[in-house]
């Protein structure tokens, strides 16, 4: 086991780094955008809407090229952005399927078709009508799998093979978007409008490596489990909190998101994973507040938990993991997404 003083000391380093980030924020802000296009409506038909781009050289979604399908909607553009966020951090072929701005499945594999299959299978029911993000040129095999997946709204990728386009354009309403990942810079800031003001923060691009991880239980994860945990940690930053995901290898098998209680997110992730929860790694975007989360994980056969740490109940949570034979990793980093 590990005592609270060690956990507290580990977290102070992260808190200090966050404090330094605050000093870098500008005293004043001026933001200029130019309208690209009027949209049919906003999130709902009774709301007017338009798409704006930065006033410098167009980039990102504002510079993307639509190759096929109906006009993009307000919600399509939001979800396309989330799909791009979901895959751009991975070095291998990766796929992220988005529904209502949350991933239904994410996977990385040796080839794109395998990654797509794993991402779609994570939650095929929720993937219906989703937006597919891919970080590689879409080939014929992947295109065929997409066509067999039922109704999907959009596909965004860096490019499409000619024969893959022939396959995908068989669906007249499927929107195909060519997006230049290499020429698109990540936005430095994230803006949120509130009554009477604006919240401005640095985007959550914080990465972590193995050396920063702390194993706090008697049971230690294997090298493979550690790699899988890092994959999951890379995914969870793009899931709405309270976020819990279950991963096997380099694919998600269950996602619980946007809940007001963390234990409910655990319940949802386990239920969606079904039999694949056994032997999986549970990833939490923030600290585990109570032992009930660990008890649920133990009953489902989960072998590893990776979480932020820093709860007043850390010692109880660690003890529950030791009792259940679960390995626990603490990161000292939180990935809330509201």
Protein backbone atom coordinates (compact mmCIF):
# COMPACT_ATOMS: atom_id res chain seq x y z
CA UNK A 1 0.00 0.00 0.00
CA UNK A 2 0.94 3.67 -0.11
CA UNK A 3 0.17 6.48 2.37
CA UNK A 4 -1.61 9.79 1.67
CA UNK A 5 1.56 11.87 2.11
CA UNK A 6 3.24 10.16 -0.88
CA UNK A 7 0.15 10.67 -3.06
CA UNK A 8 -0.13 14.30 -1.92
CA UNK A 9 3.53 15.01 -2.71
CA UNK A 10 3.16 13.45 -6.14
CA UNK A 11 0.14 15.63 -6.97
CA UNK A 12 1.73 18.90 -5.79
CA UNK A 13 4.07 18.82 -8.80
CA UNK A 14 1.08 18.81 -11.15
CA UNK A 15 -0.70 21.58 -9.21
CA UNK A 16 2.41 23.78 -9.39
CA UNK A 17 2.61 23.27 -13.16
CA UNK A 18 -1.05 24.29 -13.48
CA UNK A 19 -0.37 27.43 -11.41
CA UNK A 20 2.45 28.44 -13.74
CA UNK A 21 0.10 28.05 -16.72
CA UNK A 22 -2.24 30.64 -15.14
CA UNK A 23 0.49 33.30 -15.26
CA UNK A 24 0.80 32.88 -19.02
CA UNK A 25 -2.81 33.83 -19.76
CA UNK A 26 -3.28 37.18 -21.55
CA UNK A 27 -4.68 40.24 -19.75
CA UNK A 28 -6.94 41.10 -22.70
CA UNK A 29 -8.34 39.10 -25.59
CA UNK A 30 -9.57 40.07 -29.04
CA UNK A 31 -11.01 37.42 -31.34
CA UNK A 32 -11.80 37.94 -35.02
CA UNK A 33 -13.64 35.49 -37.26
CA UNK A 34 -15.07 35.66 -40.78
CA UNK A 35 -18.24 33.85 -41.81
CA UNK A 36 -17.65 30.82 -44.06
CA UNK A 37 -21.26 29.87 -44.56
CA UNK A 38 -24.76 30.12 -43.19
CA UNK A 39 -26.07 26.83 -41.83
CA UNK A 40 -29.61 25.56 -42.19
CA UNK A 41 -30.03 25.80 -38.42
CA UNK A 42 -28.16 25.29 -35.14
CA UNK A 43 -28.42 22.42 -32.68
CA UNK A 44 -32.19 22.55 -33.21
CA UNK A 45 -34.30 23.68 -36.20
CA UNK A 46 -35.58 26.82 -34.43
CA UNK A 47 -32.02 28.19 -33.93
CA UNK A 48 -30.22 30.25 -36.58
CA UNK A 49 -26.55 29.39 -37.09
CA UNK A 50 -23.44 29.99 -39.20
CA UNK A 51 -19.87 28.65 -39.44
CA UNK A 52 -16.99 31.12 -38.98
CA UNK A 53 -13.27 30.77 -39.62
CA UNK A 54 -10.25 32.56 -38.25
CA UNK A 55 -9.34 35.62 -40.30
CA UNK A 56 -5.86 34.38 -41.22
CA UNK A 57 -5.30 31.65 -43.85
CA UNK A 58 -8.12 29.08 -43.62
CA UNK A 59 -7.14 25.86 -41.89
CA UNK A 60 -8.69 22.93 -40.07
CA UNK A 61 -12.35 22.27 -40.75
CA UNK A 62 -12.69 25.67 -42.42
CA UNK A 63 -10.19 24.49 -45.07
CA UNK A 64 -11.45 20.92 -45.35
CA UNK A 65 -12.95 19.69 -48.63
CA UNK A 66 -16.30 17.94 -48.83
CA UNK A 67 -16.14 15.23 -51.48
CA UNK A 68 -19.65 13.83 -51.27
CA UNK A 69 -22.98 14.00 -49.47
CA UNK A 70 -25.44 16.52 -48.10
CA UNK A 71 -24.52 19.93 -46.70
CA UNK A 72 -22.87 19.82 -43.29
CA UNK A 73 -25.00 20.79 -40.32
CA UNK A 74 -24.07 22.62 -37.11
CA UNK A 75 -24.02 19.31 -35.20
CA UNK A 76 -22.01 17.60 -37.96
CA UNK A 77 -19.25 20.21 -37.66
CA UNK A 78 -19.13 19.87 -33.86
CA UNK A 79 -18.92 16.07 -34.11
CA UNK A 80 -16.36 16.18 -36.94
CA UNK A 81 -14.14 18.27 -34.70
CA UNK A 82 -14.50 15.70 -31.89
CA UNK A 83 -13.70 12.86 -34.32
CA UNK A 84 -10.53 14.63 -35.44
CA UNK A 85 -9.53 15.23 -31.81
CA UNK A 86 -10.14 11.55 -31.14
CA UNK A 87 -7.60 10.26 -33.69
CA UNK A 88 -4.95 12.91 -34.31
CA UNK A 89 -2.87 12.05 -31.24
CA UNK A 90 -2.23 8.46 -32.34
CA UNK A 91 0.81 7.46 -34.40
CA UNK A 92 -0.61 4.17 -35.71
CA UNK A 93 -3.77 3.74 -37.84
CA UNK A 94 -6.61 4.89 -35.58
CA UNK A 95 -10.38 5.29 -35.74
CA UNK A 96 -12.78 7.21 -33.51
CA UNK A 97 -16.55 7.06 -33.93
CA UNK A 98 -18.42 10.03 -32.43
CA UNK A 99 -22.06 10.37 -31.41
CA UNK A 100 -23.34 13.56 -29.77
CA UNK A 101 -19.76 14.75 -29.20
CA UNK A 102 -18.73 11.60 -27.31
CA UNK A 103 -16.85 8.57 -28.65
CA UNK A 104 -18.77 5.33 -29.01
CA UNK A 105 -15.51 3.52 -29.75
CA UNK A 106 -11.82 4.21 -30.33
CA UNK A 107 -9.14 1.82 -31.59
CA UNK A 108 -5.59 1.79 -32.93
CA UNK A 109 -4.22 -1.16 -34.89
CA UNK A 110 -1.66 -2.23 -37.51
CA UNK A 111 -4.10 -1.52 -40.34
CA UNK A 112 -7.05 0.85 -40.67
CA UNK A 113 -9.68 -1.81 -41.36
CA UNK A 114 -8.86 -3.66 -38.12
CA UNK A 115 -8.95 -0.38 -36.18
CA UNK A 116 -12.34 0.48 -37.70
CA UNK A 117 -13.78 -2.93 -36.91
CA UNK A 118 -12.70 -2.68 -33.26
CA UNK A 119 -13.93 0.91 -32.85
CA UNK A 120 -17.34 0.07 -34.34
CA UNK A 121 -17.76 -3.16 -32.33
CA UNK A 122 -17.18 -1.31 -29.04
CA UNK A 123 -20.78 -0.04 -29.19
CA UNK A 124 -22.36 -0.75 -32.57
CA UNK A 125 -25.81 0.26 -31.31
CA UNK A 126 -24.69 3.77 -30.31
CA UNK A 127 -22.48 4.14 -33.40
CA UNK A 128 -25.60 4.22 -35.61
CA UNK A 129 -25.78 7.69 -37.21
CA UNK A 130 -22.30 8.56 -35.98
CA UNK A 131 -19.34 10.48 -37.35
CA UNK A 132 -16.22 8.46 -38.24
CA UNK A 133 -12.75 9.94 -37.83
CA UNK A 134 -9.73 8.17 -39.37
CA UNK A 135 -6.09 9.30 -39.33
CA UNK A 136 -5.05 7.40 -42.47
CA UNK A 137 -6.07 7.27 -46.15
CA UNK A 138 -9.29 5.27 -46.40
CA UNK A 139 -8.75 2.05 -48.38
CA UNK A 140 -11.30 -0.21 -50.09
CA UNK A 141 -11.43 -2.73 -47.24
CA UNK A 142 -12.19 -0.04 -44.65
CA UNK A 143 -14.72 1.59 -46.98
CA UNK A 144 -16.51 -1.74 -47.33
CA UNK A 145 -16.73 -2.11 -43.54
CA UNK A 146 -18.11 1.42 -43.21
CA UNK A 147 -20.79 0.68 -45.81
CA UNK A 148 -21.83 -2.46 -43.91
CA UNK A 149 -22.18 -0.51 -40.64
CA UNK A 150 -25.64 0.83 -41.41
CA UNK A 151 -26.51 4.52 -41.41
CA UNK A 152 -23.56 6.82 -40.64
CA UNK A 153 -23.54 10.61 -41.01
CA UNK A 154 -19.96 11.55 -41.97
CA UNK A 155 -16.49 10.19 -42.63
CA UNK A 156 -13.47 12.46 -42.12
CA UNK A 157 -9.99 11.35 -43.17
CA UNK A 158 -6.78 12.79 -44.66
CA UNK A 159 -7.60 11.20 -48.04
CA UNK A 160 -9.52 8.43 -49.80
CA UNK A 161 -8.36 5.84 -52.33
CA UNK A 162 -10.19 6.21 -55.67
CA UNK A 163 -11.81 2.79 -55.33
CA UNK A 164 -12.74 3.52 -51.71
CA UNK A 165 -14.60 6.63 -52.92
CA UNK A 166 -16.51 4.49 -55.41
CA UNK A 167 -17.64 2.27 -52.55
CA UNK A 168 -18.56 5.07 -50.14
CA UNK A 169 -20.37 7.26 -52.68
CA UNK A 170 -22.90 4.45 -53.16
CA UNK A 171 -24.59 6.06 -50.14
CA UNK A 172 -25.80 9.38 -51.51
CA UNK A 173 -26.29 11.06 -48.12
CA UNK A 174 -22.98 10.00 -46.53
CA UNK A 175 -20.83 13.10 -46.12
CA UNK A 176 -17.17 12.52 -47.00
CA UNK A 177 -14.69 15.09 -45.72
CA UNK A 178 -11.02 15.37 -46.69
CA UNK A 179 -9.15 16.96 -43.78
CA UNK A 180 -5.47 17.91 -43.87
CA UNK A 181 -4.11 16.70 -40.51
CA UNK A 182 -0.51 17.73 -41.29
CA UNK A 183 -1.27 21.36 -42.14
CA UNK A 184 -3.70 21.88 -39.27
CA UNK A 185 -2.27 23.42 -36.12
CA UNK A 186 -3.87 22.61 -32.79
CA UNK A 187 -5.78 25.49 -31.24
CA UNK A 188 -3.83 26.88 -28.30
CA UNK A 189 -6.89 27.96 -26.31
CA UNK A 190 -10.34 26.68 -25.53
CA UNK A 191 -13.10 29.30 -25.22
CA UNK A 192 -16.43 28.99 -23.43
CA UNK A 193 -18.98 31.79 -23.36
CA UNK A 194 -20.89 32.49 -20.13
CA UNK A 195 -23.35 35.23 -19.11
CA UNK A 196 -21.40 38.50 -18.99
CA UNK A 197 -18.06 37.04 -19.97
CA UNK A 198 -15.79 34.45 -21.46
CA UNK A 199 -13.83 31.57 -19.96
CA UNK A 200 -10.45 31.02 -21.60
CA UNK A 201 -8.14 28.10 -20.90
CA UNK A 202 -5.25 26.29 -22.47
CA UNK A 203 -6.41 23.19 -24.32
CA UNK A 204 -5.88 19.88 -22.57
CA UNK A 205 -2.91 18.57 -24.53
CA UNK A 206 -0.98 17.25 -21.51
CA UNK A 207 0.74 13.97 -22.32
CA UNK A 208 2.14 11.45 -19.90
CA UNK A 209 4.87 8.83 -20.14
CA UNK A 210 5.62 5.66 -18.22
CA UNK A 211 8.12 7.38 -15.92
CA UNK A 212 5.40 9.66 -14.56
CA UNK A 213 3.07 6.79 -13.64
CA UNK A 214 2.98 5.50 -10.07
CA UNK A 215 1.88 1.96 -9.24
CA UNK A 216 0.36 2.21 -5.74
CA UNK A 217 -0.77 -1.40 -5.14
CA UNK A 218 0.92 -4.67 -4.24
CA UNK A 219 -0.11 -6.06 -7.65
CA UNK A 220 1.81 -4.51 -10.53
CA UNK A 221 0.55 -4.28 -14.13
CA UNK A 222 2.40 -6.19 -16.82
CA UNK A 223 4.23 -4.31 -19.56
CA UNK A 224 1.32 -5.01 -21.94
CA UNK A 225 -1.20 -3.75 -19.43
CA UNK A 226 0.85 -0.61 -18.88
CA UNK A 227 0.85 0.10 -22.63
CA UNK A 228 -2.89 -0.49 -22.77
CA UNK A 229 -3.43 1.82 -19.80
CA UNK A 230 -1.50 4.58 -21.60
CA UNK A 231 -3.65 4.06 -24.69
CA UNK A 232 -6.76 4.43 -22.55
CA UNK A 233 -5.36 7.53 -20.88
CA UNK A 234 -4.93 9.05 -24.34
CA UNK A 235 -8.57 8.28 -25.16
CA UNK A 236 -10.27 9.40 -21.94
CA UNK A 237 -9.30 13.07 -22.36
CA UNK A 238 -11.86 13.26 -25.19
CA UNK A 239 -14.73 11.68 -23.24
CA UNK A 240 -17.20 13.87 -21.34
CA UNK A 241 -16.82 13.61 -17.56
CA UNK A 242 -17.51 11.79 -15.39
CA UNK A 243 -15.68 9.50 -17.81
CA UNK A 244 -14.90 5.82 -17.35
CA UNK A 245 -13.64 3.67 -20.21
CA UNK A 246 -12.64 0.02 -20.39
CA UNK A 247 -9.87 -1.01 -22.74
CA UNK A 248 -8.42 -4.29 -23.99
CA UNK A 249 -5.13 -3.91 -25.83
CA UNK A 250 -5.47 -0.80 -28.01
CA UNK A 251 -9.24 -0.67 -28.29
CA UNK A 252 -12.10 0.52 -26.11
CA UNK A 253 -14.61 -2.15 -25.12
CA UNK A 254 -16.90 -0.07 -22.89
CA UNK A 255 -17.49 3.68 -22.44
CA UNK A 256 -19.44 5.38 -19.64
CA UNK A 257 -19.64 9.15 -20.06
CA UNK A 258 -21.41 12.35 -19.07
CA UNK A 259 -22.81 11.01 -15.80
CA UNK A 260 -23.30 12.95 -12.58
CA UNK A 261 -21.87 10.10 -10.50
CA UNK A 262 -18.66 8.24 -11.27
CA UNK A 263 -19.99 4.90 -10.07
CA UNK A 264 -22.82 5.17 -12.62
CA UNK A 265 -20.21 5.69 -15.37
CA UNK A 266 -18.47 2.53 -14.13
CA UNK A 267 -21.78 0.66 -14.27
CA UNK A 268 -22.45 1.81 -17.84
CA UNK A 269 -18.95 1.00 -19.09
CA UNK A 270 -19.09 -2.51 -17.59
CA UNK A 271 -22.59 -3.15 -18.96
CA UNK A 272 -21.59 -2.03 -22.46
CA UNK A 273 -18.40 -4.12 -22.37
CA UNK A 274 -20.27 -7.27 -21.34
CA UNK A 275 -17.96 -10.29 -21.31
CA UNK A 276 -15.08 -8.13 -22.53
CA UNK A 277 -14.94 -6.40 -19.14
CA UNK A 278 -13.13 -9.48 -17.82
CA UNK A 279 -9.40 -8.80 -17.90
CA UNK A 280 -9.93 -5.19 -19.06
CA UNK A 281 -8.27 -2.01 -17.84
CA UNK A 282 -10.49 0.63 -16.28
CA UNK A 283 -9.54 4.24 -17.03
CA UNK A 284 -10.97 7.09 -14.95
CA UNK A 285 -10.60 10.73 -16.03
CA UNK A 286 -10.34 11.88 -12.39
CA UNK A 287 -9.79 10.36 -8.96
CA UNK A 288 -11.77 7.35 -7.75
CA UNK A 289 -13.75 8.80 -4.82
CA UNK A 290 -15.04 5.63 -3.14
CA UNK A 291 -14.41 1.91 -2.89
CA UNK A 292 -17.74 1.06 -4.57
CA UNK A 293 -16.09 1.73 -7.94
CA UNK A 294 -13.38 -0.83 -7.14
CA UNK A 295 -15.92 -3.38 -5.92
CA UNK A 296 -17.85 -3.13 -9.21
CA UNK A 297 -14.60 -3.47 -11.16
CA UNK A 298 -13.58 -6.54 -9.14
CA UNK A 299 -16.93 -8.27 -9.76
CA UNK A 300 -16.56 -7.63 -13.51
CA UNK A 301 -13.07 -9.19 -13.57
CA UNK A 302 -11.18 -5.95 -14.31
CA UNK A 303 -7.45 -6.37 -13.69
CA UNK A 304 -6.02 -2.83 -13.75
CA UNK A 305 -7.29 0.65 -12.84
CA UNK A 306 -5.57 3.85 -13.96
CA UNK A 307 -6.79 7.05 -12.32
CA UNK A 308 -5.65 10.48 -11.20
CA UNK A 309 -5.37 9.87 -7.44
CA UNK A 310 -5.65 12.61 -4.84
CA UNK A 311 -8.95 11.69 -3.17
CA UNK A 312 -9.24 11.78 0.64
CA UNK A 313 -10.27 8.13 0.26
CA UNK A 314 -7.08 7.10 -1.62
CA UNK A 315 -5.89 4.79 1.15
CA UNK A 316 -9.28 3.00 1.28
CA UNK A 317 -9.41 2.69 -2.52
CA UNK A 318 -5.87 1.30 -2.64
CA UNK A 319 -6.69 -1.17 0.14
CA UNK A 320 -9.79 -2.32 -1.79
CA UNK A 321 -7.62 -2.92 -4.87
CA UNK A 322 -5.10 -4.90 -2.83
CA UNK A 323 -7.91 -7.03 -1.41
CA UNK A 324 -9.30 -7.69 -4.91
CA UNK A 325 -5.91 -8.31 -6.51
CA UNK A 326 -6.29 -5.32 -8.86
CA UNK A 327 -3.27 -3.29 -9.93
CA UNK A 328 -3.75 0.47 -9.61
CA UNK A 329 -1.83 3.20 -11.43
CA UNK A 330 -1.98 6.87 -10.46
CA UNK A 331 -1.16 9.63 -12.95
CA UNK A 332 -1.42 12.84 -10.89
CA UNK A 333 -3.19 14.37 -13.91
CA UNK A 334 -6.91 14.96 -14.39
CA UNK A 335 -8.73 15.00 -17.73
CA UNK A 336 -12.13 16.59 -17.05
CA UNK A 337 -14.09 17.55 -20.16
CA UNK A 338 -17.30 19.46 -19.61
